[in-house]
Amino acid sequence: MSKLNLFLSNLLISIVTISSFLQPISVAEGQIPQQTLSWWNIFRRKPPREETPKTSRPQNPICLISPNASSQVIWNTKPLFLWKGDINKIAVENLGSKKYLGTKIVTGNQSVNYTGQPLEPGKIYKWLIFLSELESASPSRFVNFKIMEAPERNRITAELKLLEILQKHKGGNAETIAFTKAEYFAEKGLWSDALQEAYSVPNPSPELSQMIKDLPLQLCESK
């Protein structure tokens, strides 16, 4: 059994032991009301953005939101790519390689999750931006990002599992769990992962839906 699995097993045993001393919590009593979830409180500390010139098209500059900072480290091995503006295609490649791990036509979209094979912990990748769907097109810009080293990533994975178990015990729904994880990531400065939690909620509340609509504009207009 791996160290991570052993740790998780011991963690689950501890949770079960603690839970046996708790009074049963009904969903109605334990679920955190949606109105108490303040997504804006998480993102009011604006995620860092690299101060580089925006890639421009007439009257429509392109603002890359996530990942953005050149030193950005990401926990998720299938990260979220988020931007504002008109991009036609994106690609991901290993740093130092000219072979794309995956390409995707994104015309008309402002975000997309990476759907290729999981990226490898500890490796640096490039997010490439194209203003044309043509196969022969060259990228107009790229952003480097790194997938977190395996030891730290495994520790965070275990802590996230604990947070999810505790929220489910309280009757938390999908948005409550995502909110808790987003707070956790934001506290660690893992803004790409925090944003990915917000964008992953299948049936977002009105507040979250409004934030998803407004946040890109606020981030891209900030100096």
C-alpha atoms as a PDB file:
ATOM      1  CA  MET A   1       0.000   0.000   0.000  1.00  0.00           C
ATOM      2  CA  SER A   2       1.404   3.436  -0.927  1.00  0.00           C
ATOM      3  CA  LYS A   3       2.085   6.029   1.746  1.00  0.00           C
ATOM      4  CA  LEU A   4      -0.770   8.156   0.395  1.00  0.00           C
ATOM      5  CA  ASN A   5      -3.264   5.282   0.555  1.00  0.00           C
ATOM      6  CA  LEU A   6      -2.084   4.384   4.067  1.00  0.00           C
ATOM      7  CA  PHE A   7      -2.484   8.000   5.141  1.00  0.00           C
ATOM      8  CA  LEU A   8      -5.968   8.196   3.659  1.00  0.00           C
ATOM      9  CA  SER A   9      -6.967   4.921   5.327  1.00  0.00           C
ATOM     10  CA  ASN A  10      -5.856   6.196   8.732  1.00  0.00           C
ATOM     11  CA  LEU A  11      -7.600   9.491   8.027  1.00  0.00           C
ATOM     12  CA  LEU A  12     -10.880   7.780   7.200  1.00  0.00           C
ATOM     13  CA  ILE A  13     -10.658   5.634  10.336  1.00  0.00           C
ATOM     14  CA  SER A  14     -10.217   8.791  12.410  1.00  0.00           C
ATOM     15  CA  ILE A  15     -13.199  10.434  10.736  1.00  0.00           C
ATOM     16  CA  VAL A  16     -15.414   7.419  11.328  1.00  0.00           C
ATOM     17  CA  THR A  17     -14.334   7.338  14.982  1.00  0.00           C
ATOM     18  CA  ILE A  18     -15.078  11.024  15.448  1.00  0.00           C
ATOM     19  CA  SER A  19     -18.374  10.740  13.586  1.00  0.00           C
ATOM     20  CA  SER A  20     -19.567   7.977  15.897  1.00  0.00           C
ATOM     21  CA  PHE A  21     -19.604  10.491  18.755  1.00  0.00           C
ATOM     22  CA  LEU A  22     -21.539  13.092  16.800  1.00  0.00           C
ATOM     23  CA  GLN A  23     -25.288  13.448  16.776  1.00  0.00           C
ATOM     24  CA  PRO A  24     -26.830  12.583  13.393  1.00  0.00           C
ATOM     25  CA  ILE A  25     -27.128  15.683  11.265  1.00  0.00           C
ATOM     26  CA  SER A  26     -30.048  15.981   8.899  1.00  0.00           C
ATOM     27  CA  VAL A  27     -29.544  17.581   5.513  1.00  0.00           C
ATOM     28  CA  ALA A  28     -31.873  20.414   6.484  1.00  0.00           C
ATOM     29  CA  GLU A  29     -29.871  21.147   9.639  1.00  0.00           C
ATOM     30  CA  GLY A  30     -26.382  20.481   8.344  1.00  0.00           C
ATOM     31  CA  GLN A  31     -26.431  21.978   4.877  1.00  0.00           C
ATOM     32  CA  ILE A  32     -24.874  25.397   4.686  1.00  0.00           C
ATOM     33  CA  PRO A  33     -27.493  27.751   3.222  1.00  0.00           C
ATOM     34  CA  GLN A  34     -26.490  29.018  -0.202  1.00  0.00           C
ATOM     35  CA  GLN A  35     -26.842  32.639   0.882  1.00  0.00           C
ATOM     36  CA  THR A  36     -23.983  32.187   3.396  1.00  0.00           C
ATOM     37  CA  LEU A  37     -21.550  31.231   0.633  1.00  0.00           C
ATOM     38  CA  SER A  38     -19.780  34.409  -0.438  1.00  0.00           C
ATOM     39  CA  TRP A  39     -17.729  33.573  -3.498  1.00  0.00           C
ATOM     40  CA  TRP A  40     -16.696  37.206  -3.823  1.00  0.00           C
ATOM     41  CA  ASN A  41     -14.969  36.995  -0.438  1.00  0.00           C
ATOM     42  CA  ILE A  42     -12.639  34.384  -1.912  1.00  0.00           C
ATOM     43  CA  PHE A  43     -11.739  36.324  -5.028  1.00  0.00           C
ATOM     44  CA  ARG A  44     -11.742  39.863  -3.619  1.00  0.00           C
ATOM     45  CA  ARG A  45      -7.998  39.307  -3.172  1.00  0.00           C
ATOM     46  CA  LYS A  46      -7.444  39.402  -6.890  1.00  0.00           C
ATOM     47  CA  PRO A  47      -5.396  36.525  -8.299  1.00  0.00           C
ATOM     48  CA  PRO A  48      -1.961  37.682  -9.462  1.00  0.00           C
ATOM     49  CA  ARG A  49      -1.735  38.591 -13.118  1.00  0.00           C
ATOM     50  CA  GLU A  50       1.467  38.982 -15.044  1.00  0.00           C
ATOM     51  CA  GLU A  51       1.930  42.587 -16.162  1.00  0.00           C
ATOM     52  CA  THR A  52       2.529  41.901 -19.855  1.00  0.00           C
ATOM     53  CA  PRO A  53       0.948  43.589 -22.867  1.00  0.00           C
ATOM     54  CA  LYS A  54      -2.357  42.114 -23.930  1.00  0.00           C
ATOM     55  CA  THR A  55      -2.524  40.301 -27.249  1.00  0.00           C
ATOM     56  CA  SER A  56      -4.624  42.609 -29.368  1.00  0.00           C
ATOM     57  CA  ARG A  57      -7.216  42.426 -32.032  1.00  0.00           C
ATOM     58  CA  PRO A  58      -9.007  45.578 -33.174  1.00  0.00           C
ATOM     59  CA  GLN A  59     -11.277  46.738 -30.323  1.00  0.00           C
ATOM     60  CA  ASN A  60     -10.925  43.370 -28.573  1.00  0.00           C
ATOM     61  CA  PRO A  61      -7.764  42.771 -26.523  1.00  0.00           C
ATOM     62  CA  ILE A  62      -7.163  39.249 -25.250  1.00  0.00           C
ATOM     63  CA  CYS A  63      -6.594  38.896 -21.517  1.00  0.00           C
ATOM     64  CA  LEU A  64      -5.228  35.598 -20.206  1.00  0.00           C
ATOM     65  CA  ILE A  65      -6.576  34.936 -16.715  1.00  0.00           C
ATOM     66  CA  SER A  66      -5.621  31.400 -15.713  1.00  0.00           C
ATOM     67  CA  PRO A  67      -2.941  30.283 -15.761  1.00  0.00           C
ATOM     68  CA  ASN A  68      -1.247  33.646 -16.083  1.00  0.00           C
ATOM     69  CA  ALA A  69       1.687  34.379 -13.783  1.00  0.00           C
ATOM     70  CA  SER A  70       4.867  32.795 -15.158  1.00  0.00           C
ATOM     71  CA  SER A  71       5.607  31.184 -11.792  1.00  0.00           C
ATOM     72  CA  GLN A  72       2.116  29.708 -11.462  1.00  0.00           C
ATOM     73  CA  VAL A  73       1.988  26.262  -9.867  1.00  0.00           C
ATOM     74  CA  ILE A  74      -1.191  24.230 -10.331  1.00  0.00           C
ATOM     75  CA  TRP A  75      -2.487  21.252  -8.353  1.00  0.00           C
ATOM     76  CA  ASN A  76      -4.997  19.944 -10.902  1.00  0.00           C
ATOM     77  CA  THR A  77      -3.481  17.722 -13.600  1.00  0.00           C
ATOM     78  CA  LYS A  78      -6.338  18.699 -15.926  1.00  0.00           C
ATOM     79  CA  PRO A  79      -6.321  22.460 -15.435  1.00  0.00           C
ATOM     80  CA  LEU A  80      -8.825  25.120 -16.382  1.00  0.00           C
ATOM     81  CA  PHE A  81      -7.843  27.632 -19.057  1.00  0.00           C
ATOM     82  CA  LEU A  82      -9.645  30.939 -18.636  1.00  0.00           C
ATOM     83  CA  TRP A  83      -9.412  34.135 -20.665  1.00  0.00           C
ATOM     84  CA  LYS A  84     -11.322  37.179 -21.889  1.00  0.00           C
ATOM     85  CA  GLY A  85     -11.404  37.971 -25.587  1.00  0.00           C
ATOM     86  CA  ASP A  86     -11.554  36.102 -28.878  1.00  0.00           C
ATOM     87  CA  ILE A  87      -9.213  33.120 -29.154  1.00  0.00           C
ATOM     88  CA  ASN A  88      -9.666  30.561 -31.902  1.00  0.00           C
ATOM     89  CA  LYS A  89      -7.489  27.699 -30.719  1.00  0.00           C
ATOM     90  CA  ILE A  90      -5.339  26.667 -27.769  1.00  0.00           C
ATOM     91  CA  ALA A  91      -2.714  23.980 -27.305  1.00  0.00           C
ATOM     92  CA  VAL A  92      -0.622  22.497 -24.498  1.00  0.00           C
ATOM     93  CA  GLU A  93       2.948  21.290 -24.887  1.00  0.00           C
ATOM     94  CA  ASN A  94       5.860  20.218 -22.708  1.00  0.00           C
ATOM     95  CA  LEU A  95       8.377  22.987 -22.124  1.00  0.00           C
ATOM     96  CA  GLY A  96      11.180  22.520 -24.632  1.00  0.00           C
ATOM     97  CA  SER A  97       9.102  20.324 -26.931  1.00  0.00           C
ATOM     98  CA  LYS A  98       7.468  21.227 -30.216  1.00  0.00           C
ATOM     99  CA  LYS A  99       4.917  18.424 -30.026  1.00  0.00           C
ATOM    100  CA  TYR A 100       1.479  19.425 -28.817  1.00  0.00           C
ATOM    101  CA  LEU A 101      -0.066  17.242 -26.107  1.00  0.00           C
ATOM    102  CA  GLY A 102      -3.470  18.462 -27.177  1.00  0.00           C
ATOM    103  CA  THR A 103      -5.157  21.168 -29.224  1.00  0.00           C
ATOM    104  CA  LYS A 104      -8.705  22.463 -29.050  1.00  0.00           C
ATOM    105  CA  ILE A 105     -10.791  24.837 -31.143  1.00  0.00           C
ATOM    106  CA  VAL A 106     -12.287  27.337 -28.687  1.00  0.00           C
ATOM    107  CA  THR A 107     -13.881  29.930 -30.980  1.00  0.00           C
ATOM    108  CA  GLY A 108     -16.725  31.646 -29.128  1.00  0.00           C
ATOM    109  CA  ASN A 109     -15.655  30.361 -25.695  1.00  0.00           C
ATOM    110  CA  GLN A 110     -13.928  32.076 -22.773  1.00  0.00           C
ATOM    111  CA  SER A 111     -12.887  28.999 -20.792  1.00  0.00           C
ATOM    112  CA  VAL A 112     -12.150  25.329 -21.294  1.00  0.00           C
ATOM    113  CA  ASN A 113     -10.867  22.429 -19.216  1.00  0.00           C
ATOM    114  CA  TYR A 114      -7.877  20.462 -20.455  1.00  0.00           C
ATOM    115  CA  THR A 115      -9.210  17.078 -21.584  1.00  0.00           C
ATOM    116  CA  GLY A 116      -6.046  15.264 -22.671  1.00  0.00           C
ATOM    117  CA  GLN A 117      -4.010  12.794 -20.670  1.00  0.00           C
ATOM    118  CA  PRO A 118      -3.369  14.056 -17.119  1.00  0.00           C
ATOM    119  CA  LEU A 119      -0.336  16.316 -16.963  1.00  0.00           C
ATOM    120  CA  GLU A 120       2.585  15.052 -14.903  1.00  0.00           C
ATOM    121  CA  PRO A 121       3.458  16.397 -11.439  1.00  0.00           C
ATOM    122  CA  GLY A 122       6.669  18.387 -11.352  1.00  0.00           C
ATOM    123  CA  LYS A 123       6.708  19.182 -15.066  1.00  0.00           C
ATOM    124  CA  ILE A 124       6.486  22.580 -16.750  1.00  0.00           C
ATOM    125  CA  TYR A 125       4.090  23.097 -19.636  1.00  0.00           C
ATOM    126  CA  LYS A 126       3.162  25.796 -22.131  1.00  0.00           C
ATOM    127  CA  TRP A 127      -0.346  27.060 -22.784  1.00  0.00           C
ATOM    128  CA  LEU A 128      -0.296  28.290 -26.387  1.00  0.00           C
ATOM    129  CA  ILE A 129      -2.762  30.836 -27.776  1.00  0.00           C
ATOM    130  CA  PHE A 130      -3.771  30.946 -31.451  1.00  0.00           C
ATOM    131  CA  LEU A 131      -5.780  33.587 -33.285  1.00  0.00           C
ATOM    132  CA  SER A 132      -6.518  31.204 -36.153  1.00  0.00           C
ATOM    133  CA  GLU A 133      -7.998  27.717 -36.382  1.00  0.00           C
ATOM    134  CA  LEU A 134      -5.626  26.786 -39.214  1.00  0.00           C
ATOM    135  CA  GLU A 135      -3.324  23.859 -38.482  1.00  0.00           C
ATOM    136  CA  SER A 136      -0.386  25.838 -39.864  1.00  0.00           C
ATOM    137  CA  ALA A 137      -1.008  28.841 -37.590  1.00  0.00           C
ATOM    138  CA  SER A 138       1.697  29.920 -35.162  1.00  0.00           C
ATOM    139  CA  PRO A 139       0.857  30.802 -31.556  1.00  0.00           C
ATOM    140  CA  SER A 140       0.503  34.502 -30.829  1.00  0.00           C
ATOM    141  CA  ARG A 141       1.384  34.069 -27.175  1.00  0.00           C
ATOM    142  CA  PHE A 142       2.137  31.425 -24.566  1.00  0.00           C
ATOM    143  CA  VAL A 143       2.124  31.072 -20.788  1.00  0.00           C
ATOM    144  CA  ASN A 144       4.280  28.670 -18.797  1.00  0.00           C
ATOM    145  CA  PHE A 145       2.819  26.816 -15.839  1.00  0.00           C
ATOM    146  CA  LYS A 146       3.960  23.969 -13.616  1.00  0.00           C
ATOM    147  CA  ILE A 147       2.068  21.033 -12.186  1.00  0.00           C
ATOM    148  CA  MET A 148       2.828  20.773  -8.479  1.00  0.00           C
ATOM    149  CA  GLU A 149       5.535  18.362  -7.326  1.00  0.00           C
ATOM    150  CA  ALA A 150       4.139  14.952  -6.356  1.00  0.00           C
ATOM    151  CA  PRO A 151       4.829  15.009  -2.564  1.00  0.00           C
ATOM    152  CA  GLU A 152       3.070  18.344  -2.012  1.00  0.00           C
ATOM    153  CA  ARG A 153       0.321  17.426  -4.450  1.00  0.00           C
ATOM    154  CA  ASN A 154      -0.354  14.145  -2.610  1.00  0.00           C
ATOM    155  CA  ARG A 155      -0.577  15.968   0.719  1.00  0.00           C
ATOM    156  CA  ILE A 156      -3.056  18.483  -0.684  1.00  0.00           C
ATOM    157  CA  THR A 157      -5.069  15.675  -2.292  1.00  0.00           C
ATOM    158  CA  ALA A 158      -5.426  14.018   1.113  1.00  0.00           C
ATOM    159  CA  GLU A 159      -6.480  17.280   2.765  1.00  0.00           C
ATOM    160  CA  LEU A 160      -9.059  17.927   0.040  1.00  0.00           C
ATOM    161  CA  LYS A 161     -10.530  14.462   0.567  1.00  0.00           C
ATOM    162  CA  LEU A 162     -10.879  15.231   4.267  1.00  0.00           C
ATOM    163  CA  LEU A 163     -12.602  18.559   3.552  1.00  0.00           C
ATOM    164  CA  GLU A 164     -15.017  16.858   1.170  1.00  0.00           C
ATOM    165  CA  ILE A 165     -15.843  14.096   3.656  1.00  0.00           C
ATOM    166  CA  LEU A 166     -16.513  16.623   6.420  1.00  0.00           C
ATOM    167  CA  GLN A 167     -18.752  18.741   4.178  1.00  0.00           C
ATOM    168  CA  LYS A 168     -20.709  15.687   3.044  1.00  0.00           C
ATOM    169  CA  HIS A 169     -21.178  14.718   6.695  1.00  0.00           C
ATOM    170  CA  LYS A 170     -22.748  18.147   7.242  1.00  0.00           C
ATOM    171  CA  GLY A 171     -25.046  17.627   4.269  1.00  0.00           C
ATOM    172  CA  GLY A 172     -23.153  19.982   1.992  1.00  0.00           C
ATOM    173  CA  ASN A 173     -24.113  20.027  -1.677  1.00  0.00           C
ATOM    174  CA  ALA A 174     -21.812  20.250  -4.712  1.00  0.00           C
ATOM    175  CA  GLU A 175     -21.472  24.027  -4.509  1.00  0.00           C
ATOM    176  CA  THR A 176     -20.734  23.990  -0.787  1.00  0.00           C
ATOM    177  CA  ILE A 177     -17.978  21.437  -1.338  1.00  0.00           C
ATOM    178  CA  ALA A 178     -16.540  23.413  -4.263  1.00  0.00           C
ATOM    179  CA  PHE A 179     -16.686  26.613  -2.182  1.00  0.00           C
ATOM    180  CA  THR A 180     -14.767  24.958   0.673  1.00  0.00           C
ATOM    181  CA  LYS A 181     -12.101  23.691  -1.710  1.00  0.00           C
ATOM    182  CA  ALA A 182     -11.856  27.077  -3.443  1.00  0.00           C
ATOM    183  CA  GLU A 183     -11.272  28.767  -0.071  1.00  0.00           C
ATOM    184  CA  TYR A 184      -8.574  26.205   0.701  1.00  0.00           C
ATOM    185  CA  PHE A 185      -6.809  26.793  -2.612  1.00  0.00           C
ATOM    186  CA  ALA A 186      -7.057  30.591  -2.309  1.00  0.00           C
ATOM    187  CA  GLU A 187      -5.482  30.517   1.153  1.00  0.00           C
ATOM    188  CA  LYS A 188      -2.537  28.660  -0.372  1.00  0.00           C
ATOM    189  CA  GLY A 189      -2.289  31.073  -3.293  1.00  0.00           C
ATOM    190  CA  LEU A 190      -3.361  28.383  -5.774  1.00  0.00           C
ATOM    191  CA  TRP A 191      -5.612  30.719  -7.740  1.00  0.00           C
ATOM    192  CA  SER A 192      -5.943  28.610 -10.868  1.00  0.00           C
ATOM    193  CA  ASP A 193      -7.268  25.730  -8.771  1.00  0.00           C
ATOM    194  CA  ALA A 194      -9.571  28.045  -6.815  1.00  0.00           C
ATOM    195  CA  LEU A 195     -11.046  29.352 -10.065  1.00  0.00           C
ATOM    196  CA  GLN A 196     -11.424  25.823 -11.374  1.00  0.00           C
ATOM    197  CA  GLU A 197     -13.543  24.882  -8.354  1.00  0.00           C
ATOM    198  CA  ALA A 198     -15.833  27.859  -9.002  1.00  0.00           C
ATOM    199  CA  TYR A 199     -16.210  26.936 -12.665  1.00  0.00           C
ATOM    200  CA  SER A 200     -16.786  23.242 -11.897  1.00  0.00           C
ATOM    201  CA  VAL A 201     -20.147  23.595 -10.097  1.00  0.00           C
ATOM    202  CA  PRO A 202     -22.806  21.902 -12.286  1.00  0.00           C
ATOM    203  CA  ASN A 203     -25.807  23.984 -11.159  1.00  0.00           C
ATOM    204  CA  PRO A 204     -24.367  27.204  -9.742  1.00  0.00           C
ATOM    205  CA  SER A 205     -26.300  29.487  -7.436  1.00  0.00           C
ATOM    206  CA  PRO A 206     -27.315  32.956  -8.702  1.00  0.00           C
ATOM    207  CA  GLU A 207     -24.396  34.540  -6.833  1.00  0.00           C
ATOM    208  CA  LEU A 208     -21.849  32.140  -8.305  1.00  0.00           C
ATOM    209  CA  SER A 209     -23.322  32.511 -11.797  1.00  0.00           C
ATOM    210  CA  GLN A 210     -23.059  36.295 -11.515  1.00  0.00           C
ATOM    211  CA  MET A 211     -19.492  36.105 -10.226  1.00  0.00           C
ATOM    212  CA  ILE A 212     -18.452  33.829 -13.106  1.00  0.00           C
ATOM    213  CA  LYS A 213     -19.931  36.415 -15.463  1.00  0.00           C
ATOM    214  CA  ASP A 214     -18.359  39.469 -13.799  1.00  0.00           C
ATOM    215  CA  LEU A 215     -14.990  38.218 -12.518  1.00  0.00           C
ATOM    216  CA  PRO A 216     -13.102  38.045 -15.853  1.00  0.00           C
ATOM    217  CA  LEU A 217     -13.931  41.684 -16.592  1.00  0.00           C
ATOM    218  CA  GLN A 218     -12.839  42.799 -13.127  1.00  0.00           C
ATOM    219  CA  LEU A 219      -9.582  40.854 -13.257  1.00  0.00           C
ATOM    220  CA  CYS A 220      -8.704  42.050 -16.750  1.00  0.00           C
ATOM    221  CA  GLU A 221      -9.446  45.701 -16.000  1.00  0.00           C
ATOM    222  CA  SER A 222      -7.399  45.698 -12.798  1.00  0.00           C
ATOM    223  CA  LYS A 223      -3.995  47.286 -12.936  1.00  0.00           C
END
